[in-house]
Each structure stands twice: as structure tokens, then as C-alpha cells.
Amino acid sequence: MDVFAPNLPEMFNNAALGLYHILGIRKGTGDRESVHIELEDIDLEGLLVAFLNELLYQVEEGWVGEEFNIEIHETHLEAQLRMTPILDRQHDIKAVTYHELKIIQENGCCRTRIVFDL
């Protein structure tokens, strides 16, 4: 999956939305939950993998992110996620991989390619 955005937080947000799209998630109704996450990794690529794996964990627990407030400082991510229950999903993703993963920041744009293990 190719992901583009004008900055890192938006690129992570777009990666999350792409993940949910691939999973074919249908949102349910009901109580929403606010989730706070903090992640640290050795580089931005590791941080992106950790973030998407956290979202996969939330999906397994029956929650999908609706709103994201993401802050990234070097190799530290802090995010406030507004979660809603999942009604249904059509596909599974086993893992987010590091295959071909490189975050490129140039000319006011961030981009990456993410490969999932289906």
C-alpha cells in the first residue's frame, strides 16, 4: 500500500485508514472509547510498524479508530484515538512487515510503501 501526506502525523493517519480499508471494516454503533497510546522505536519505520500493529490489536479486540490525534517527535509517537465498535470485517491481516518499508520526506511531502502479510 502506498501512502502519501504533507507531514508525518497525516501519513500515519492515512496509513491507518488504508489498513482499515484493506480489512474491509464496517463500523458499528454504540459506545465509543478513547484510547491513549505511546510508542517508541529505533526509527520512523519501526514506529509506523508499531503503530499499525497496535491498530491491528485494537481490531482484534473489536475496535476501529474513527479519529486520530497523532504527535510524532523523532522516534516517539503519542496518539489519542477515538474508537468505535466493529460491526464486521471482510479480511484479515496477519502482520505489518518491514519489507520495502522506507519513509521518505522531501519537497513538503511524506511517502512510504507498506507491505502487509495477509
Protein backbone atom coordinates (compact mmCIF):
# COMPACT_ATOMS: atom_id res chain seq x y z
CA MET A 1 0.00 0.00 0.00
CA ASP A 2 1.42 3.41 -0.96
CA VAL A 3 0.77 6.23 1.50
CA PHE A 4 1.27 9.97 0.95
CA ALA A 5 0.74 13.07 3.11
CA PRO A 6 2.16 16.54 3.67
CA ASN A 7 3.57 15.56 7.10
CA LEU A 8 4.32 12.53 9.28
CA PRO A 9 1.22 12.62 11.53
CA GLU A 10 -1.06 12.76 8.50
CA MET A 11 0.91 9.99 6.80
CA PHE A 12 0.44 7.76 9.87
CA ASN A 13 -3.27 8.70 9.86
CA ASN A 14 -3.57 7.81 6.17
CA ALA A 15 -1.75 4.51 6.77
CA ALA A 16 -4.30 3.68 9.47
CA LEU A 17 -7.20 4.46 7.14
CA GLY A 18 -5.62 2.30 4.43
CA LEU A 19 -5.22 -0.56 6.91
CA TYR A 20 -8.91 -0.35 7.80
CA HIS A 21 -9.85 -0.22 4.12
CA ILE A 22 -7.88 -3.39 3.35
CA LEU A 23 -9.55 -5.12 6.31
CA GLY A 24 -12.97 -4.16 4.89
CA ILE A 25 -14.21 -2.94 8.26
CA ARG A 26 -17.81 -1.89 8.78
CA LYS A 27 -18.26 0.33 11.82
CA GLY A 28 -20.93 -0.50 14.32
CA THR A 29 -22.87 1.74 16.62
CA GLY A 30 -22.65 2.01 20.32
CA ASP A 31 -20.37 3.46 22.93
CA ARG A 32 -17.17 4.98 21.71
CA GLU A 33 -13.94 4.66 23.59
CA SER A 34 -10.96 6.96 23.87
CA VAL A 35 -7.58 5.21 23.76
CA HIS A 36 -4.23 6.83 24.51
CA ILE A 37 -1.11 5.18 23.13
CA GLU A 38 2.56 5.99 23.42
CA LEU A 39 5.12 4.16 21.31
CA GLU A 40 8.89 4.35 20.99
CA ASP A 41 11.08 2.65 18.39
CA ILE A 42 14.55 2.93 16.90
CA ASP A 43 13.41 4.78 13.76
CA LEU A 44 10.33 6.14 11.99
CA GLU A 45 9.80 2.93 10.06
CA GLY A 46 9.74 0.93 13.28
CA LEU A 47 7.38 3.48 14.78
CA LEU A 48 4.98 3.11 11.84
CA VAL A 49 5.04 -0.69 12.12
CA ALA A 50 4.43 -0.48 15.88
CA PHE A 51 1.54 1.97 15.35
CA LEU A 52 -0.17 -0.19 12.72
CA ASN A 53 0.36 -3.33 14.80
CA GLU A 54 -1.29 -1.55 17.75
CA LEU A 55 -4.26 -0.78 15.50
CA LEU A 56 -4.41 -4.44 14.41
CA TYR A 57 -4.50 -5.39 18.10
CA GLN A 58 -7.39 -2.96 18.65
CA VAL A 59 -9.21 -4.52 15.67
CA GLU A 60 -8.79 -7.97 17.24
CA GLU A 61 -10.34 -6.52 20.41
CA GLY A 62 -13.32 -5.30 18.34
CA TRP A 63 -12.44 -1.62 17.92
CA VAL A 64 -11.70 0.58 14.92
CA GLY A 65 -10.23 4.08 15.02
CA GLU A 66 -12.53 6.89 13.94
CA GLU A 67 -10.48 9.94 14.86
CA PHE A 68 -6.74 10.21 15.36
CA ASN A 69 -4.74 12.93 17.07
CA ILE A 70 -1.14 11.92 16.42
CA GLU A 71 2.06 13.64 17.53
CA ILE A 72 5.48 12.39 16.46
CA HIS A 73 8.77 13.55 17.96
CA GLU A 74 11.75 11.80 16.35
CA THR A 75 11.19 8.15 17.34
CA HIS A 76 8.36 8.72 19.84
CA LEU A 77 4.66 8.66 18.97
CA GLU A 78 1.83 9.80 21.18
CA ALA A 79 -1.74 9.43 19.94
CA GLN A 80 -5.25 9.90 21.20
CA LEU A 81 -7.61 7.60 19.32
CA ARG A 82 -11.38 7.78 19.24
CA MET A 83 -12.52 4.18 18.80
CA THR A 84 -15.87 2.77 17.72
CA PRO A 85 -17.06 -0.87 17.80
CA ILE A 86 -16.61 -3.03 14.72
CA LEU A 87 -19.75 -4.45 13.18
CA ASP A 88 -17.98 -6.66 10.65
CA ARG A 89 -14.75 -7.11 8.72
CA GLN A 90 -14.16 -8.90 5.44
CA HIS A 91 -10.42 -9.70 5.53
CA ASP A 92 -7.56 -10.44 7.90
CA ILE A 93 -4.05 -9.03 8.07
CA LYS A 94 -1.55 -11.24 9.92
CA ALA A 95 1.14 -8.59 10.31
CA VAL A 96 2.67 -5.36 9.12
CA THR A 97 6.07 -6.11 7.57
CA TYR A 98 9.31 -4.19 7.11
CA HIS A 99 9.58 -5.43 3.50
CA GLU A 100 10.42 -2.43 1.26
CA LEU A 101 9.48 -0.10 4.15
CA LYS A 102 11.18 3.27 3.93
CA ILE A 103 9.69 6.63 4.89
CA ILE A 104 10.78 9.39 2.53
CA GLN A 105 10.38 13.04 3.47
CA GLU A 106 11.13 15.51 0.67
CA ASN A 107 9.66 18.57 -1.01
CA GLY A 108 6.99 19.05 1.69
CA CYS A 109 5.69 15.50 1.30
CA CYS A 110 5.99 12.24 3.22
CA ARG A 111 5.55 8.92 1.49
CA THR A 112 6.04 5.25 2.12
CA ARG A 113 5.09 1.81 0.87
CA ILE A 114 3.71 -0.68 3.39
CA VAL A 115 3.56 -4.42 2.74
CA PHE A 116 1.15 -6.50 4.79
CA ASP A 117 1.31 -10.22 5.46
CA LEU A 118 -2.17 -11.45 4.52
